Amino acid sequence: MATSSKAPFLIRFGGRRLRKFVDNELSAAKRDVIAMSCFADLARISRFHVPEELLEWVVMNIDPKLREYCHKASKPIVFTRDMMTKVFNVPSGDRPVDRLKNTEHTELRNMYRDGERAPIAYLEKLLHDCADDDVVMIKRSFALLAFATVLFLGTNNMVPLDYLGSLLDMDKVHEYAWDEAILAYCMD
């Protein structure tokens, strides 16, 4: 996580962490399963660098309510679902993403917890240690890992388990509007 004395926000992007984990810690069989998942492209995300001053300038010119970037009187750039789909290559279905409430304690949610929390390191261990033929566990765990490190960054390296509501049936993940969920999260 990089900080700047000039930038009023923290920058955290875990694409490198995700790619390194997939490439170095998972078996070829698990990588093959991930390659067939809806979020496969996130395992191959490239490293990039944006100067903090540029990022700050862009962010200061975004109107999150209108979901647009506009500098002075120039024509605005509107952030759309289609843009999120093209940038992240995530599913773009019609169903709103189902999120579990924080108070909902399900067996599935509890599986990803280490005590009362869901640290990324624990999720990595679960994914590393699960059977190579447990396709559902691999796809679901990888999706959660991609959410925690790239798409829905939180604090303290925790996994956003509330998205498990849309990961219950891994054969229907593509039906959800992940593009809209990412856009809403970014504009929040």
Protein backbone atom coordinates (compact mmCIF):
# COMPACT_ATOMS: atom_id res chain seq x y z
CA MET A 1 0.00 0.00 0.00
CA ALA A 2 1.50 3.30 -1.02
CA THR A 3 0.76 6.59 0.60
CA SER A 4 1.68 10.09 -0.27
CA SER A 5 1.91 13.14 1.89
CA LYS A 6 0.12 15.00 -0.92
CA ALA A 7 -2.59 12.45 -1.78
CA PRO A 8 -5.61 12.46 0.56
CA PHE A 9 -6.21 8.74 0.06
CA LEU A 10 -4.47 5.40 0.21
CA ILE A 11 -3.71 3.34 -2.88
CA ARG A 12 -3.96 -0.42 -2.65
CA PHE A 13 -4.00 -2.73 -5.61
CA GLY A 14 -3.34 -6.44 -5.20
CA GLY A 15 -3.18 -7.61 -8.81
CA ARG A 16 0.44 -8.53 -8.35
CA ARG A 17 -0.33 -10.45 -5.17
CA LEU A 18 -3.15 -12.36 -6.88
CA ARG A 19 -1.08 -13.26 -9.91
CA LYS A 20 1.92 -14.29 -7.82
CA PHE A 21 -0.25 -16.54 -5.64
CA VAL A 22 -1.91 -18.23 -8.61
CA ASP A 23 1.36 -18.69 -10.50
CA ASN A 24 3.53 -19.83 -7.58
CA GLU A 25 1.26 -21.43 -4.98
CA LEU A 26 -1.38 -23.35 -6.93
CA SER A 27 -1.09 -26.61 -8.80
CA ALA A 28 -1.47 -26.73 -12.56
CA ALA A 29 -4.82 -28.49 -12.08
CA LYS A 30 -6.14 -25.60 -9.96
CA ARG A 31 -4.84 -23.04 -12.45
CA ASP A 32 -6.73 -24.93 -15.19
CA VAL A 33 -9.96 -24.74 -13.17
CA ILE A 34 -9.42 -21.01 -12.57
CA ALA A 35 -8.79 -20.52 -16.31
CA MET A 36 -12.32 -21.81 -16.94
CA SER A 37 -13.96 -19.54 -14.33
CA CYS A 38 -15.85 -16.28 -14.88
CA PHE A 39 -13.07 -14.27 -13.24
CA ALA A 40 -10.14 -16.03 -14.97
CA ASP A 41 -8.66 -12.90 -16.56
CA LEU A 42 -8.00 -11.40 -13.13
CA ALA A 43 -5.39 -14.13 -12.54
CA ARG A 44 -3.40 -12.68 -15.43
CA ILE A 45 -3.71 -9.01 -14.59
CA SER A 46 -0.58 -7.05 -15.43
CA ARG A 47 1.39 -4.87 -13.10
CA PHE A 48 0.97 -1.16 -13.71
CA HIS A 49 1.86 2.12 -12.09
CA VAL A 50 -0.09 5.35 -11.98
CA PRO A 51 1.62 8.41 -10.49
CA GLU A 52 -0.21 9.38 -7.32
CA GLU A 53 -0.50 13.01 -8.40
CA LEU A 54 -2.26 11.96 -11.62
CA LEU A 55 -4.55 9.61 -9.73
CA GLU A 56 -5.41 12.33 -7.23
CA TRP A 57 -6.15 14.79 -10.06
CA VAL A 58 -8.42 12.30 -11.82
CA VAL A 59 -10.26 11.38 -8.62
CA MET A 60 -10.80 15.02 -7.74
CA ASN A 61 -12.56 15.49 -11.10
CA ILE A 62 -14.97 12.57 -10.72
CA ASP A 63 -18.56 13.12 -9.71
CA PRO A 64 -19.54 9.77 -8.14
CA LYS A 65 -23.26 10.58 -8.16
CA LEU A 66 -23.20 11.18 -11.91
CA ARG A 67 -20.57 8.47 -12.41
CA GLU A 68 -18.53 10.72 -14.63
CA TYR A 69 -15.17 12.39 -14.99
CA CYS A 70 -15.19 15.98 -16.17
CA HIS A 71 -12.37 18.51 -16.24
CA LYS A 72 -13.51 22.13 -16.41
CA ALA A 73 -15.95 22.56 -19.29
CA SER A 74 -14.79 19.58 -21.31
CA LYS A 75 -17.09 16.79 -22.39
CA PRO A 76 -17.51 14.33 -19.51
CA ILE A 77 -16.41 10.72 -19.60
CA VAL A 78 -19.23 8.64 -18.18
CA PHE A 79 -18.30 5.48 -16.30
CA THR A 80 -20.59 2.67 -17.43
CA ARG A 81 -21.18 -1.02 -16.80
CA ASP A 82 -19.79 -1.71 -20.26
CA MET A 83 -16.57 0.06 -19.31
CA MET A 84 -16.20 -2.17 -16.22
CA THR A 85 -16.80 -5.26 -18.34
CA LYS A 86 -14.14 -4.21 -20.85
CA VAL A 87 -11.58 -3.23 -18.22
CA PHE A 88 -11.97 -6.26 -15.93
CA ASN A 89 -13.65 -8.79 -18.29
CA VAL A 90 -16.16 -9.77 -15.62
CA PRO A 91 -19.63 -11.23 -16.16
CA SER A 92 -22.35 -8.78 -17.04
CA GLY A 93 -25.66 -10.46 -16.31
CA ASP A 94 -29.05 -8.99 -15.58
CA ARG A 95 -29.47 -10.10 -11.97
CA PRO A 96 -28.33 -7.73 -9.22
CA VAL A 97 -25.47 -9.12 -7.15
CA ASP A 98 -26.87 -10.78 -4.01
CA ARG A 99 -25.00 -9.83 -0.86
CA LEU A 100 -25.27 -11.56 2.48
CA LYS A 101 -25.94 -9.36 5.47
CA ASN A 102 -23.12 -9.12 7.99
CA THR A 103 -25.41 -10.72 10.55
CA GLU A 104 -26.11 -13.77 8.35
CA HIS A 105 -23.93 -16.57 9.64
CA THR A 106 -24.10 -19.37 7.10
CA GLU A 107 -22.11 -22.58 6.93
CA LEU A 108 -20.53 -21.32 3.72
CA ARG A 109 -19.48 -18.02 5.29
CA ASN A 110 -18.12 -19.80 8.35
CA MET A 111 -15.93 -22.02 6.16
CA TYR A 112 -13.96 -18.95 5.05
CA ARG A 113 -13.56 -17.50 8.54
CA ASP A 114 -10.59 -17.86 10.79
CA GLY A 115 -12.20 -17.01 14.11
CA GLU A 116 -14.41 -13.97 13.67
CA ARG A 117 -12.63 -12.61 10.59
CA ALA A 118 -11.85 -13.73 7.06
CA PRO A 119 -8.21 -12.85 6.35
CA ILE A 120 -6.90 -13.12 2.80
CA ALA A 121 -4.04 -15.33 4.03
CA TYR A 122 -6.55 -17.86 5.40
CA LEU A 123 -8.44 -17.89 2.09
CA GLU A 124 -5.15 -18.47 0.27
CA LYS A 125 -4.48 -21.44 2.57
CA LEU A 126 -7.93 -22.90 1.93
CA LEU A 127 -7.48 -22.55 -1.82
CA HIS A 128 -3.98 -24.01 -1.71
CA ASP A 129 -5.03 -26.97 0.46
CA CYS A 130 -8.32 -27.95 -1.21
CA ALA A 131 -8.45 -30.94 -3.54
CA ASP A 132 -7.45 -30.35 -7.17
CA ASP A 133 -10.78 -31.81 -8.30
CA ASP A 134 -12.97 -29.65 -6.03
CA VAL A 135 -14.00 -27.35 -8.87
CA VAL A 136 -16.65 -25.44 -6.93
CA MET A 137 -14.31 -24.70 -4.00
CA ILE A 138 -11.53 -23.59 -6.37
CA LYS A 139 -13.77 -21.29 -8.44
CA ARG A 140 -15.56 -19.80 -5.41
CA SER A 141 -12.35 -19.28 -3.44
CA PHE A 142 -10.58 -17.73 -6.41
CA ALA A 143 -13.51 -15.36 -6.98
CA LEU A 144 -13.36 -14.27 -3.33
CA LEU A 145 -9.60 -13.83 -3.58
CA ALA A 146 -10.00 -11.68 -6.72
CA PHE A 147 -12.67 -9.63 -4.94
CA ALA A 148 -10.42 -9.08 -1.90
CA THR A 149 -7.28 -8.18 -3.85
CA VAL A 150 -8.51 -6.45 -7.01
CA LEU A 151 -12.22 -5.67 -7.29
CA PHE A 152 -13.68 -4.92 -3.84
CA LEU A 153 -10.70 -3.84 -1.76
CA GLY A 154 -11.39 -3.60 1.93
CA THR A 155 -9.30 -2.91 4.95
CA ASN A 156 -6.92 -5.03 6.98
CA ASN A 157 -6.52 -7.62 4.19
CA MET A 158 -9.94 -9.15 4.80
CA VAL A 159 -12.15 -11.04 2.35
CA PRO A 160 -15.57 -9.50 1.55
CA LEU A 161 -17.71 -12.52 2.43
CA ASP A 162 -20.96 -10.67 1.80
CA TYR A 163 -20.55 -11.47 -1.93
CA LEU A 164 -21.01 -15.17 -1.16
CA GLY A 165 -24.73 -14.58 -1.78
CA SER A 166 -23.97 -14.53 -5.50
CA LEU A 167 -21.44 -17.36 -5.34
CA LEU A 168 -23.76 -20.01 -3.93
CA ASP A 169 -24.30 -21.65 -7.32
CA MET A 170 -21.09 -21.31 -9.31
CA ASP A 171 -22.92 -22.32 -12.50
CA LYS A 172 -25.00 -19.13 -12.27
CA VAL A 173 -22.26 -16.59 -11.40
CA HIS A 174 -22.36 -15.22 -14.96
CA GLU A 175 -26.01 -14.23 -14.50
CA TYR A 176 -25.12 -11.51 -11.99
CA ALA A 177 -24.31 -7.90 -12.86
CA TRP A 178 -20.74 -7.91 -11.55
CA ASP A 179 -19.95 -4.94 -13.75
CA GLU A 180 -22.60 -2.86 -11.99
CA ALA A 181 -21.42 -4.04 -8.56
CA ILE A 182 -17.84 -2.98 -9.35
CA LEU A 183 -18.96 0.37 -10.72
CA ALA A 184 -21.14 1.05 -7.67
CA TYR A 185 -18.30 0.07 -5.36
CA CYS A 186 -15.84 2.36 -7.17
CA MET A 187 -18.25 5.30 -7.08
CA ASP A 188 -19.17 4.78 -3.41
